[in-house]
C-alpha atoms as a PDB file:
ATOM      1  CA  PRO A   1       6.065-101.261 -17.696  1.00  0.00           C
ATOM      2  CA  VAL A   2       8.600-102.564 -19.878  1.00  0.00           C
ATOM      3  CA  LEU A   3       7.644-105.204 -23.043  1.00  0.00           C
ATOM      4  CA  TYR A   4      10.858-106.843 -24.104  1.00  0.00           C
ATOM      5  CA  ALA A   5      12.198-109.088 -26.475  1.00  0.00           C
ATOM      6  CA  ARG A   6      13.819-111.969 -25.057  1.00  0.00           C
ATOM      7  CA  ARG A   7      17.487-112.652 -26.050  1.00  0.00           C
ATOM      8  CA  ASP A   8      18.774-115.616 -24.726  1.00  0.00           C
ATOM      9  CA  ASP A   9      22.296-114.978 -25.820  1.00  0.00           C
ATOM     10  CA  TRP A  10      22.370-111.940 -23.513  1.00  0.00           C
ATOM     11  CA  PRO A  11      24.074-113.133 -20.560  1.00  0.00           C
ATOM     12  CA  GLU A  12      22.680-110.368 -18.620  1.00  0.00           C
ATOM     13  CA  GLN A  13      19.137-111.082 -19.564  1.00  0.00           C
ATOM     14  CA  PRO A  14      17.922-113.550 -16.371  1.00  0.00           C
ATOM     15  CA  TYR A  15      19.227-110.977 -13.729  1.00  0.00           C
ATOM     16  CA  LEU A  16      17.639-108.111 -15.676  1.00  0.00           C
ATOM     17  CA  VAL A  17      14.314-109.738 -15.918  1.00  0.00           C
ATOM     18  CA  ALA A  18      14.424-110.656 -12.321  1.00  0.00           C
ATOM     19  CA  TRP A  19      14.887-107.465 -10.861  1.00  0.00           C
ATOM     20  CA  LEU A  20      12.560-105.983 -13.612  1.00  0.00           C
ATOM     21  CA  GLU A  21       9.726-108.375 -12.350  1.00  0.00           C
ATOM     22  CA  GLN A  22      11.134-107.490  -8.524  1.00  0.00           C
ATOM     23  CA  VAL A  23      10.291-103.714  -8.713  1.00  0.00           C
ATOM     24  CA  GLY A  24       7.941-103.255 -11.929  1.00  0.00           C
ATOM     25  CA  ARG A  25       5.647-104.365 -14.420  1.00  0.00           C
ATOM     26  CA  CYS A  26       7.436-106.391 -17.621  1.00  0.00           C
ATOM     27  CA  GLN A  27       6.118-109.071 -19.997  1.00  0.00           C
ATOM     28  CA  GLY A  28       8.741-110.969 -22.561  1.00  0.00           C
ATOM     29  CA  LEU A  29       8.124-111.410 -26.257  1.00  0.00           C
ATOM     30  CA  ASP A  30       9.938-114.059 -28.576  1.00  0.00           C
ATOM     31  CA  ALA A  31      11.376-112.873 -31.822  1.00  0.00           C
ATOM     32  CA  ALA A  32       8.608-113.762 -33.776  1.00  0.00           C
ATOM     33  CA  GLN A  33       5.889-111.531 -31.925  1.00  0.00           C
ATOM     34  CA  LEU A  34       8.249-109.046 -32.125  1.00  0.00           C
ATOM     35  CA  THR A  35       8.790-109.074 -35.806  1.00  0.00           C
ATOM     36  CA  ARG A  36       5.143-109.718 -36.900  1.00  0.00           C
ATOM     37  CA  GLY A  37       3.906-107.182 -34.409  1.00  0.00           C
ATOM     38  CA  ASP A  38       2.040-109.606 -32.494  1.00  0.00           C
ATOM     39  CA  PHE A  39       1.865-108.612 -29.375  1.00  0.00           C
ATOM     40  CA  ASP A  40      -1.074-106.248 -28.742  1.00  0.00           C
ATOM     41  CA  ALA A  41      -2.892-108.636 -26.024  1.00  0.00           C
ATOM     42  CA  GLU A  42       0.824-108.968 -24.031  1.00  0.00           C
ATOM     43  CA  LEU A  43       0.940-105.321 -23.892  1.00  0.00           C
ATOM     44  CA  ARG A  44      -2.469-104.483 -22.875  1.00  0.00           C
ATOM     45  CA  SER A  45      -2.143-106.819 -20.101  1.00  0.00           C
ATOM     46  CA  LEU A  46       1.145-105.408 -19.124  1.00  0.00           C
ATOM     47  CA  LEU A  47      -0.883-101.920 -19.113  1.00  0.00           C
ATOM     48  CA  LEU A  48      -3.310-103.347 -16.757  1.00  0.00           C
ATOM     49  CA  ARG A  49      -1.554-104.633 -14.184  1.00  0.00           C
ATOM     50  CA  GLU A  50      -1.278-102.894 -10.505  1.00  0.00           C
ATOM     51  CA  LYS A  51       1.515-100.038 -10.779  1.00  0.00           C
ATOM     52  CA  PRO A  52       4.139-101.153  -8.253  1.00  0.00           C
ATOM     53  CA  ALA A  53       5.637 -99.027  -5.910  1.00  0.00           C
ATOM     54  CA  PRO A  54       8.075 -96.603  -6.803  1.00  0.00           C
ATOM     55  CA  ILE A  55      11.721 -97.419  -6.676  1.00  0.00           C
ATOM     56  CA  GLU A  56      13.472 -94.899  -3.757  1.00  0.00           C
ATOM     57  CA  PRO A  57      16.545 -93.859  -5.543  1.00  0.00           C
ATOM     58  CA  THR A  58      19.535 -94.126  -3.438  1.00  0.00           C
ATOM     59  CA  GLY A  59      22.626 -94.560  -5.718  1.00  0.00           C
ATOM     60  CA  ASN A  60      23.767 -90.721  -5.242  1.00  0.00           C
ATOM     61  CA  LEU A  61      23.785 -90.990  -1.583  1.00  0.00           C
ATOM     62  CA  GLN A  62      25.849 -94.599  -2.039  1.00  0.00           C
ATOM     63  CA  ALA A  63      28.163 -92.854  -4.544  1.00  0.00           C
ATOM     64  CA  ALA A  64      28.837 -89.868  -2.081  1.00  0.00           C
ATOM     65  CA  GLU A  65      29.354 -92.215   0.732  1.00  0.00           C
ATOM     66  CA  TYR A  66      31.758 -93.978  -1.217  1.00  0.00           C
ATOM     67  CA  LEU A  67      33.491 -91.014  -2.117  1.00  0.00           C
ATOM     68  CA  PHE A  68      33.721 -89.560   1.175  1.00  0.00           C
ATOM     69  CA  GLU A  69      35.281 -92.689   2.720  1.00  0.00           C
ATOM     70  CA  LEU A  70      37.880 -92.689  -0.269  1.00  0.00           C
ATOM     71  CA  LEU A  71      39.283 -89.360   0.299  1.00  0.00           C
ATOM     72  CA  THR A  72      38.982 -89.081   3.672  1.00  0.00           C
ATOM     73  CA  ALA A  73      41.504 -92.284   3.999  1.00  0.00           C
ATOM     74  CA  VAL A  74      44.039 -90.006   2.671  1.00  0.00           C
END
């Protein structure tokens, strides 16, 4: 589970949050909540949500296939 601080000046934020919402559990906080430490309800709610299925790691296979193609093309 990810409890995160919203940062509207981060260009990657919408993509990261969309991915987190798709594959996991996440909840955003605004800066004032974070500063005050006022996020116990959000944290409890986040922890009570159903656990998603684990993400299947495939990056190592993708990297190996890419390197194989690159090295055998010579």
